[in-house]
Amino acid sequence: MFENIIGQAQVVGRLSQEIAAGLLPPVLLFHGPDYSGKCSTALELARVLTCTGDDDSVPWGCGCRECEMQRHLTHPDTLMLGGRYFLREIAVAAAALKRDTRPSLRYLMERSVRKLAHRFDQALWEEDDAKIGKAAPLLESLDEQLEPFLPGGTLPGADDFSDSLDRVVDTCDKLSAVTNLDAVPVGTVRRLSAWSRTVARGGHKIAIIEHVDRLQESARNALLKTLEEPPRGVTFVLTATHRGAVIETILSRARSYGFHTRGSDESREVISRVFRDKSRENTSIRDYLVSIDGRGLRPLAERYIEACLGGGELELGLLEEIDRTLEAFGGAEGFRYLMEELTDLLRSVLLAGDVLPTRTVSRWHELLATTAERVEAYHVQPKLALEGLYYALRQAA
C-alpha cells in the first residue's frame, strides 16, 4: 500500500501503522503545500480501506473489484468535493498521453478527468439543481470521449488521436465552468452528510474534502455538525494548504498529518514516474505544471510587479495579455497560479531588503490574498481585479 506516493515516507509510515493496528481515526486532516501528494494519498487510503483482496499488504495492483474501481476513480463509496487545479492537471495529463500511451499514462488521464467529474456526483446535488442540469449532458459526452483513452480501450487512429484528446480537455473546460467548484455550497455539504449515513455498497465509505481551509462559513458549520459525530464505517479525509487557516472546532475533531514540500530529487522523481517526462530540468512540480505547454506566467508577473514598483499607469496591453494567458490556464484557476507567482516575487523583494519596507511587503501580501478571494469566492473578473489590485498596491507602497 502507498507505493505510489513519492516523498512522504513519514506520513505513509504512520498511516500504514495505524491501519494495521486498527487505530485510524474517522476524521483525518492532511495539511501541507500544494503538489505534496495530499490528494494522491487520500485516494490511496480510500483504495486501501475498501480493498477486499487477500493480500494484507494491499498492493496497488490488487485484483479485487473494489481496488479496480478505486484505480479508475469510479467507486460509489468514495466522494470528492472542494476546489483544486483541475484544468492544469488535465492539460498536463493530456500532453503526457500524446507523448506516450502506456497504461500508466492512460490511468493518469482518466484519474485527472474523474477528479473533476466527481464534483458533480448525483449524491452531492439535488436532482432539480440547475447546475446539474447543465452538467449532465457534458458528463455524458465526457464519458464517451474518454472511453477510447481508458486503460485497455482502443485508441483513436493517428489522424484523430490528438484532436480526440483535445475534445476531452475542451469538455472538461466547459464542465468546470458550470459552477465555481472552490465555493462548496452548504447544500452540498448537507447532502454529503446524508450520503455518509446511508449503507455502503461495500464495507466502508470515504469522503475526501479538499481545501477545507477555503470553505465558506456556512459550509464549514454544516461540515462541523457531521464531524462531531461521524457515522460508523465512514472516513473523512480533509486537506488544507495551511493548517492554521482551518477553524479550531474542525481541528479538534481531526487527527493531523503534515506533508512537507517535496525536494528537487523527489519532484524530479514525480515528473519522471508520474508524467513519464525526463526531458525537463524543472525541480518543482508546480513549475512543471505551469510551463509544460510553454505558457509562462512568471514573465507577466514580473512585468506587473515592475509596473507597481515603477509607478505611472498600468499598461492596458499588459492586462489584456495577462487576461488571455489566464484564460488558457482556465480562468480563475490560472488567476490562482498568477497570485502564487506574485507572492513568490514579493518574497524575493522582501529578501532583497532595499526595495520596499517590510511593512509594505506585508501589506502587499494581504492585498494579494484579498484579491484572490474576490476572484475565487465572488467571481470578480480577473482583469478588473488586477486593475484594482494595481492601484491598491501603489497606494500601499
Protein backbone atom coordinates (compact mmCIF):
# COMPACT_ATOMS: atom_id res chain seq x y z
CA MET A 1 0.00 0.00 0.00
CA PHE A 2 1.02 3.63 -0.63
CA GLU A 3 3.80 2.53 -3.01
CA ASN A 4 2.59 5.17 -5.49
CA ILE A 5 3.20 8.02 -3.00
CA ILE A 6 6.57 9.70 -3.55
CA GLY A 7 8.46 11.63 -0.90
CA GLN A 8 6.15 11.43 2.13
CA ALA A 9 7.64 8.45 3.97
CA GLN A 10 6.75 9.73 7.45
CA VAL A 11 3.05 10.20 6.67
CA VAL A 12 2.86 6.93 4.73
CA GLY A 13 4.59 5.01 7.55
CA ARG A 14 2.29 6.47 10.17
CA LEU A 15 -0.87 5.71 8.17
CA SER A 16 0.30 2.15 7.48
CA GLN A 17 0.92 1.51 11.18
CA GLU A 18 -2.46 2.95 12.21
CA ILE A 19 -4.30 0.90 9.60
CA ALA A 20 -2.51 -2.30 10.67
CA ALA A 21 -3.29 -1.63 14.34
CA GLY A 22 -6.90 -0.64 13.67
CA LEU A 23 -6.25 2.83 15.08
CA LEU A 24 -7.11 5.01 12.08
CA PRO A 25 -9.36 7.89 13.19
CA PRO A 26 -12.68 8.70 11.47
CA VAL A 27 -11.50 12.22 10.55
CA LEU A 28 -8.04 12.95 9.14
CA LEU A 29 -6.54 16.29 8.14
CA PHE A 30 -3.79 16.20 5.51
CA HIS A 31 -2.12 19.61 5.59
CA GLY A 32 0.85 20.96 3.67
CA PRO A 33 1.84 22.77 0.49
CA ASP A 34 0.25 22.19 -2.89
CA TYR A 35 1.81 19.43 -5.03
CA SER A 36 2.93 17.48 -1.95
CA GLY A 37 0.71 14.45 -2.63
CA LYS A 38 -2.17 15.05 -0.21
CA CYS A 39 -4.91 14.12 -2.69
CA SER A 40 -2.98 11.11 -4.05
CA THR A 41 -2.50 9.84 -0.51
CA ALA A 42 -6.20 10.37 0.28
CA LEU A 43 -7.21 8.40 -2.81
CA GLU A 44 -4.77 5.61 -1.99
CA LEU A 45 -6.15 5.50 1.55
CA ALA A 46 -9.65 5.12 0.07
CA ARG A 47 -8.44 2.17 -2.02
CA VAL A 48 -6.81 0.50 1.00
CA LEU A 49 -9.89 0.92 3.19
CA THR A 50 -12.27 -0.57 0.61
CA CYS A 51 -9.97 -3.39 -0.59
CA THR A 52 -11.41 -6.92 -0.32
CA GLY A 53 -8.30 -8.76 -1.56
CA ASP A 54 -6.45 -11.47 0.32
CA ASP A 55 -3.04 -9.75 0.42
CA ASP A 56 -2.57 -7.91 3.73
CA SER A 57 -0.09 -5.53 2.07
CA VAL A 58 -2.93 -4.22 -0.18
CA PRO A 59 -0.70 -3.65 -3.27
CA TRP A 60 -1.63 -1.05 -5.89
CA GLY A 61 -2.17 -3.83 -8.43
CA CYS A 62 -4.62 -5.77 -6.24
CA GLY A 63 -7.08 -7.57 -8.50
CA CYS A 64 -10.20 -7.24 -6.35
CA ARG A 65 -13.20 -5.44 -7.81
CA GLU A 66 -13.07 -2.69 -5.18
CA CYS A 67 -9.45 -1.80 -5.96
CA GLU A 68 -10.18 -1.82 -9.68
CA MET A 69 -12.95 0.75 -9.21
CA GLN A 70 -10.73 2.85 -6.94
CA ARG A 71 -7.94 2.88 -9.54
CA HIS A 72 -10.45 4.18 -12.08
CA LEU A 73 -11.97 6.59 -9.50
CA THR A 74 -15.43 5.15 -10.11
CA HIS A 75 -16.06 3.62 -6.68
CA PRO A 76 -19.55 4.58 -5.43
CA ASP A 77 -18.41 4.63 -1.80
CA THR A 78 -15.87 7.40 -2.37
CA LEU A 79 -16.90 11.03 -2.83
CA MET A 80 -14.75 14.08 -3.56
CA LEU A 81 -15.56 17.76 -3.24
CA GLY A 82 -13.74 21.07 -2.98
CA GLY A 83 -11.59 23.01 -5.42
CA ARG A 84 -8.26 22.06 -6.96
CA TYR A 85 -6.20 22.63 -10.13
CA PHE A 86 -8.45 20.57 -12.39
CA LEU A 87 -7.75 22.03 -15.81
CA ARG A 88 -3.98 22.32 -15.45
CA GLU A 89 -3.72 18.72 -14.28
CA ILE A 90 -5.94 17.52 -17.13
CA ALA A 91 -4.00 19.51 -19.74
CA VAL A 92 -0.66 18.16 -18.49
CA ALA A 93 -2.02 14.59 -18.39
CA ALA A 94 -3.22 15.00 -21.99
CA ALA A 95 0.19 16.30 -23.06
CA ALA A 96 1.82 13.28 -21.40
CA LEU A 97 -0.57 10.86 -23.15
CA LYS A 98 0.25 12.43 -26.51
CA ARG A 99 3.91 11.57 -25.86
CA ASP A 100 3.38 8.08 -24.51
CA THR A 101 0.26 5.86 -24.49
CA ARG A 102 1.35 3.23 -21.98
CA PRO A 103 -1.30 2.18 -19.39
CA SER A 104 0.12 4.30 -16.54
CA LEU A 105 -0.45 7.49 -18.54
CA ARG A 106 -3.91 6.38 -19.59
CA TYR A 107 -4.69 5.97 -15.88
CA LEU A 108 -3.22 9.42 -15.25
CA MET A 109 -5.51 10.96 -17.87
CA GLU A 110 -8.58 9.11 -16.63
CA ARG A 111 -7.99 9.94 -12.98
CA SER A 112 -7.36 13.64 -13.67
CA VAL A 113 -10.70 13.80 -15.51
CA ARG A 114 -12.57 11.76 -12.90
CA LYS A 115 -11.44 14.11 -10.12
CA LEU A 116 -13.37 16.85 -11.90
CA ALA A 117 -16.39 14.66 -12.71
CA HIS A 118 -16.60 13.54 -9.06
CA ARG A 119 -17.63 17.09 -8.11
CA PHE A 120 -20.90 16.53 -9.98
CA ASP A 121 -21.76 13.22 -8.32
CA GLN A 122 -25.54 12.93 -8.01
CA ALA A 123 -25.18 12.19 -4.30
CA LEU A 124 -23.96 15.76 -3.76
CA TRP A 125 -26.66 17.66 -5.65
CA GLU A 126 -30.43 17.97 -5.71
CA GLU A 127 -31.86 16.47 -8.89
CA ASP A 128 -33.59 19.70 -9.84
CA ASP A 129 -30.49 21.86 -9.35
CA ALA A 130 -29.95 23.93 -12.50
CA LYS A 131 -26.20 23.39 -12.38
CA ILE A 132 -26.61 19.63 -12.50
CA GLY A 133 -28.96 20.09 -15.44
CA LYS A 134 -26.17 21.90 -17.29
CA ALA A 135 -23.53 19.40 -16.23
CA ALA A 136 -25.43 16.22 -17.15
CA PRO A 137 -25.00 16.39 -20.96
CA LEU A 138 -21.36 17.39 -20.56
CA LEU A 139 -20.72 14.43 -18.25
CA GLU A 140 -22.36 12.10 -20.75
CA SER A 141 -20.23 13.46 -23.58
CA LEU A 142 -17.13 13.26 -21.41
CA ASP A 143 -17.70 9.56 -20.70
CA GLU A 144 -17.99 8.85 -24.43
CA GLN A 145 -14.97 10.95 -25.36
CA LEU A 146 -12.81 9.49 -22.60
CA GLU A 147 -13.64 5.82 -23.25
CA PRO A 148 -11.07 5.18 -26.06
CA PHE A 149 -8.27 6.52 -23.83
CA LEU A 150 -9.06 4.32 -20.82
CA PRO A 151 -6.62 1.54 -19.92
CA GLY A 152 -7.50 -1.35 -22.22
CA GLY A 153 -9.51 0.84 -24.61
CA THR A 154 -8.93 1.09 -28.36
CA LEU A 155 -7.13 4.36 -29.00
CA PRO A 156 -8.23 6.58 -31.92
CA GLY A 157 -6.16 6.38 -35.09
CA ALA A 158 -3.11 8.56 -35.54
CA ASP A 159 -5.05 11.07 -37.66
CA ASP A 160 -7.67 11.68 -34.97
CA PHE A 161 -5.74 10.91 -31.77
CA SER A 162 -4.68 14.44 -30.85
CA ASP A 163 -7.98 16.06 -31.82
CA SER A 164 -9.96 13.45 -29.87
CA LEU A 165 -7.88 14.08 -26.77
CA ASP A 166 -8.25 17.83 -27.20
CA ARG A 167 -12.03 17.35 -27.25
CA VAL A 168 -11.82 15.67 -23.84
CA VAL A 169 -9.87 18.64 -22.48
CA ASP A 170 -12.33 21.09 -24.04
CA THR A 171 -15.33 19.31 -22.49
CA CYS A 172 -13.60 19.39 -19.10
CA ASP A 173 -13.11 23.13 -19.55
CA LYS A 174 -16.84 23.58 -20.19
CA LEU A 175 -17.74 21.35 -17.26
CA SER A 176 -15.55 23.27 -14.83
CA ALA A 177 -17.28 26.49 -15.92
CA VAL A 178 -20.72 25.21 -14.85
CA THR A 179 -20.11 26.28 -11.25
CA ASN A 180 -17.38 27.64 -9.01
CA LEU A 181 -16.03 24.38 -7.60
CA ASP A 182 -13.98 26.25 -4.98
CA ALA A 183 -17.12 27.65 -3.38
CA VAL A 184 -18.71 24.49 -1.99
CA PRO A 185 -22.43 25.22 -1.37
CA VAL A 186 -23.80 24.47 2.07
CA GLY A 187 -26.39 22.26 0.40
CA THR A 188 -23.62 20.06 -1.00
CA VAL A 189 -22.14 19.58 2.46
CA ARG A 190 -25.58 18.65 3.81
CA ARG A 191 -26.03 16.12 1.01
CA LEU A 192 -22.61 14.71 1.87
CA SER A 193 -23.79 14.29 5.46
CA ALA A 194 -26.91 12.44 4.29
CA TRP A 195 -24.80 10.22 1.99
CA SER A 196 -22.48 9.33 4.85
CA ARG A 197 -25.44 7.95 6.81
CA THR A 198 -26.65 5.57 4.10
CA VAL A 199 -25.49 1.97 3.85
CA ALA A 200 -22.22 1.50 1.98
CA ARG A 201 -22.08 -0.66 -1.14
CA GLY A 202 -19.07 -2.38 0.39
CA GLY A 203 -17.85 -2.19 3.95
CA HIS A 204 -16.54 1.37 4.10
CA LYS A 205 -17.21 4.91 2.82
CA ILE A 206 -14.65 7.66 2.26
CA ALA A 207 -15.32 11.37 1.77
CA ILE A 208 -12.41 13.49 0.54
CA ILE A 209 -12.89 17.23 1.08
CA GLU A 210 -10.09 19.25 -0.47
CA HIS A 211 -9.03 22.72 0.67
CA VAL A 212 -11.21 22.69 3.75
CA ASP A 213 -9.34 25.85 4.75
CA ARG A 214 -11.14 27.65 1.91
CA LEU A 215 -14.68 26.61 2.83
CA GLN A 216 -17.10 29.45 3.47
CA GLU A 217 -18.61 29.82 6.93
CA SER A 218 -22.00 28.20 6.19
CA ALA A 219 -20.33 25.15 4.58
CA ARG A 220 -17.83 24.90 7.48
CA ASN A 221 -20.62 24.92 10.03
CA ALA A 222 -22.56 22.24 8.17
CA LEU A 223 -19.43 20.08 7.90
CA LEU A 224 -18.71 20.55 11.60
CA LYS A 225 -22.08 19.08 12.53
CA THR A 226 -21.22 15.91 10.60
CA LEU A 227 -17.72 15.65 12.05
CA GLU A 228 -18.99 16.00 15.62
CA GLU A 229 -20.50 12.51 15.38
CA PRO A 230 -19.10 10.84 12.24
CA PRO A 231 -21.14 7.78 11.21
CA ARG A 232 -19.60 4.38 11.82
CA GLY A 233 -17.79 2.95 8.81
CA VAL A 234 -17.13 6.36 7.23
CA THR A 235 -13.74 8.07 6.98
CA PHE A 236 -13.47 11.79 6.27
CA VAL A 237 -10.19 12.97 4.77
CA LEU A 238 -9.80 16.75 4.82
CA THR A 239 -6.98 18.54 3.04
CA ALA A 240 -5.64 22.04 3.61
CA THR A 241 -2.69 24.07 2.46
CA HIS A 242 -2.43 25.92 5.75
CA ARG A 243 -3.38 24.12 8.95
CA GLY A 244 -3.62 27.46 10.74
CA ALA A 245 -6.40 28.53 8.37
CA VAL A 246 -8.64 25.64 9.45
CA ILE A 247 -11.07 26.63 12.19
CA GLU A 248 -10.25 25.30 15.64
CA THR A 249 -13.51 23.37 16.03
CA ILE A 250 -12.67 21.28 12.95
CA LEU A 251 -9.03 20.87 14.02
CA SER A 252 -10.16 19.50 17.36
CA ARG A 253 -12.11 16.73 15.62
CA ALA A 254 -9.41 15.68 13.15
CA ARG A 255 -6.05 13.97 13.51
CA SER A 256 -3.42 15.97 11.63
CA TYR A 257 -0.85 14.58 9.19
CA GLY A 258 1.77 17.06 7.97
CA PHE A 259 3.04 16.85 4.39
CA HIS A 260 6.35 18.53 3.61
CA THR A 261 7.43 20.34 0.45
CA ARG A 262 8.98 17.84 -1.91
CA GLY A 263 12.67 18.37 -2.55
CA SER A 264 14.17 18.70 -6.02
CA ASP A 265 15.06 14.99 -6.25
CA GLU A 266 11.57 13.94 -5.17
CA SER A 267 9.98 16.40 -7.58
CA ARG A 268 12.05 15.07 -10.46
CA GLU A 269 11.01 11.54 -9.49
CA VAL A 270 7.34 12.56 -9.61
CA ILE A 271 7.79 14.17 -13.03
CA SER A 272 9.67 11.13 -14.30
CA ARG A 273 7.47 8.38 -12.80
CA VAL A 274 4.04 10.00 -12.96
CA PHE A 275 4.28 12.09 -16.13
CA ARG A 276 6.97 9.94 -17.77
CA ASP A 277 8.90 13.03 -18.74
CA LYS A 278 12.67 13.04 -18.31
CA SER A 279 13.29 15.91 -20.70
CA ARG A 280 12.55 18.71 -18.23
CA GLU A 281 15.05 20.29 -15.89
CA ASN A 282 12.34 21.70 -13.63
CA THR A 283 12.96 20.93 -9.97
CA SER A 284 9.46 21.96 -8.89
CA ILE A 285 6.25 20.11 -9.73
CA ARG A 286 4.44 23.42 -9.77
CA ASP A 287 6.91 24.90 -12.28
CA TYR A 288 6.49 21.79 -14.42
CA LEU A 289 2.70 22.07 -14.45
CA VAL A 290 2.84 25.75 -15.34
CA SER A 291 5.50 25.52 -18.05
CA ILE A 292 4.63 22.22 -19.72
CA ASP A 293 2.98 23.79 -22.76
CA GLY A 294 5.00 26.97 -22.90
CA ARG A 295 2.50 29.34 -21.34
CA GLY A 296 4.67 31.11 -18.81
CA LEU A 297 3.10 33.30 -16.14
CA ARG A 298 6.35 34.30 -14.47
CA PRO A 299 7.37 36.95 -17.05
CA LEU A 300 3.91 38.51 -16.87
CA ALA A 301 4.03 38.55 -13.06
CA GLU A 302 7.45 40.23 -13.20
CA ARG A 303 6.17 42.93 -15.57
CA TYR A 304 3.17 43.51 -13.31
CA ILE A 305 5.34 43.90 -10.17
CA GLU A 306 7.75 46.19 -12.05
CA ALA A 307 4.79 48.39 -13.04
CA CYS A 308 3.66 48.52 -9.41
CA LEU A 309 7.14 49.46 -8.24
CA GLY A 310 7.75 51.97 -11.03
CA GLY A 311 4.58 54.00 -10.73
CA GLY A 312 2.63 55.51 -13.60
CA GLU A 313 -0.36 53.98 -15.32
CA LEU A 314 -0.71 50.24 -15.78
CA GLU A 315 -0.42 49.31 -19.44
CA LEU A 316 -3.74 48.16 -20.87
CA GLY A 317 -1.83 45.83 -23.18
CA LEU A 318 -0.27 44.04 -20.20
CA LEU A 319 -3.67 43.48 -18.59
CA GLU A 320 -5.06 42.10 -21.83
CA GLU A 321 -2.05 39.82 -22.28
CA ILE A 322 -2.42 38.53 -18.73
CA ASP A 323 -6.15 38.04 -19.28
CA ARG A 324 -5.58 35.96 -22.44
CA THR A 325 -2.97 33.84 -20.70
CA LEU A 326 -5.19 33.24 -17.68
CA GLU A 327 -7.95 32.00 -19.96
CA ALA A 328 -5.52 29.46 -21.39
CA PHE A 329 -4.96 28.26 -17.81
CA GLY A 330 -8.66 28.03 -17.07
CA GLY A 331 -9.72 31.48 -15.84
CA ALA A 332 -9.92 31.51 -12.03
CA GLU A 333 -7.55 28.54 -11.85
CA GLY A 334 -4.99 30.49 -13.84
CA PHE A 335 -5.54 33.51 -11.62
CA ARG A 336 -4.54 31.44 -8.60
CA TYR A 337 -1.33 30.47 -10.36
CA LEU A 338 -0.65 34.15 -11.08
CA MET A 339 -1.22 35.03 -7.42
CA GLU A 340 1.33 32.38 -6.47
CA GLU A 341 3.85 33.89 -8.88
CA LEU A 342 3.25 37.38 -7.49
CA THR A 343 3.58 36.10 -3.92
CA ASP A 344 6.86 34.40 -4.80
CA LEU A 345 8.15 37.61 -6.36
CA LEU A 346 7.21 39.55 -3.24
CA ARG A 347 9.19 37.06 -1.21
CA SER A 348 12.19 37.89 -3.40
CA VAL A 349 11.58 41.60 -2.88
CA LEU A 350 11.49 41.05 0.88
CA LEU A 351 14.76 39.12 0.80
CA ALA A 352 16.39 41.90 -1.23
CA GLY A 353 15.73 44.19 1.72
CA ASP A 354 16.27 47.52 -0.02
CA VAL A 355 13.37 47.63 -2.48
CA LEU A 356 10.36 48.01 -0.20
CA PRO A 357 9.96 48.30 3.58
CA THR A 358 8.96 45.06 5.31
CA ARG A 359 5.67 46.63 6.42
CA THR A 360 4.79 47.46 2.81
CA VAL A 361 5.60 43.95 1.59
CA SER A 362 3.39 42.54 4.36
CA ARG A 363 0.56 44.83 3.29
CA TRP A 364 1.02 43.77 -0.34
CA HIS A 365 0.69 40.13 0.72
CA GLU A 366 -2.63 40.95 2.41
CA LEU A 367 -3.87 42.71 -0.72
CA LEU A 368 -2.93 39.72 -2.88
CA ALA A 369 -4.87 37.37 -0.59
CA THR A 370 -7.91 39.66 -0.59
CA THR A 371 -7.83 39.93 -4.39
CA ALA A 372 -7.57 36.16 -4.80
CA GLU A 373 -10.62 35.75 -2.56
CA ARG A 374 -12.60 38.29 -4.62
CA VAL A 375 -11.98 36.31 -7.79
CA GLU A 376 -12.49 32.84 -6.34
CA ALA A 377 -15.40 33.45 -3.98
CA TYR A 378 -17.19 36.41 -5.56
CA HIS A 379 -16.48 35.79 -9.28
CA VAL A 380 -14.87 39.18 -9.92
CA GLN A 381 -13.34 39.23 -13.41
CA PRO A 382 -9.55 38.70 -13.16
CA LYS A 383 -8.82 41.68 -15.41
CA LEU A 384 -10.84 44.05 -13.20
CA ALA A 385 -9.37 42.51 -10.05
CA LEU A 386 -5.80 43.02 -11.32
CA GLU A 387 -6.51 46.63 -12.23
CA GLY A 388 -7.92 47.30 -8.75
CA LEU A 389 -5.02 45.44 -7.15
CA TYR A 390 -2.51 47.60 -9.03
CA TYR A 391 -3.89 50.83 -7.59
CA ALA A 392 -4.21 49.30 -4.12
CA LEU A 393 -0.57 48.20 -4.22
CA ARG A 394 0.55 51.61 -5.44
CA GLN A 395 -1.36 53.30 -2.62
CA ALA A 396 0.23 50.98 -0.05
CA ALA A 397 3.77 51.49 -1.40
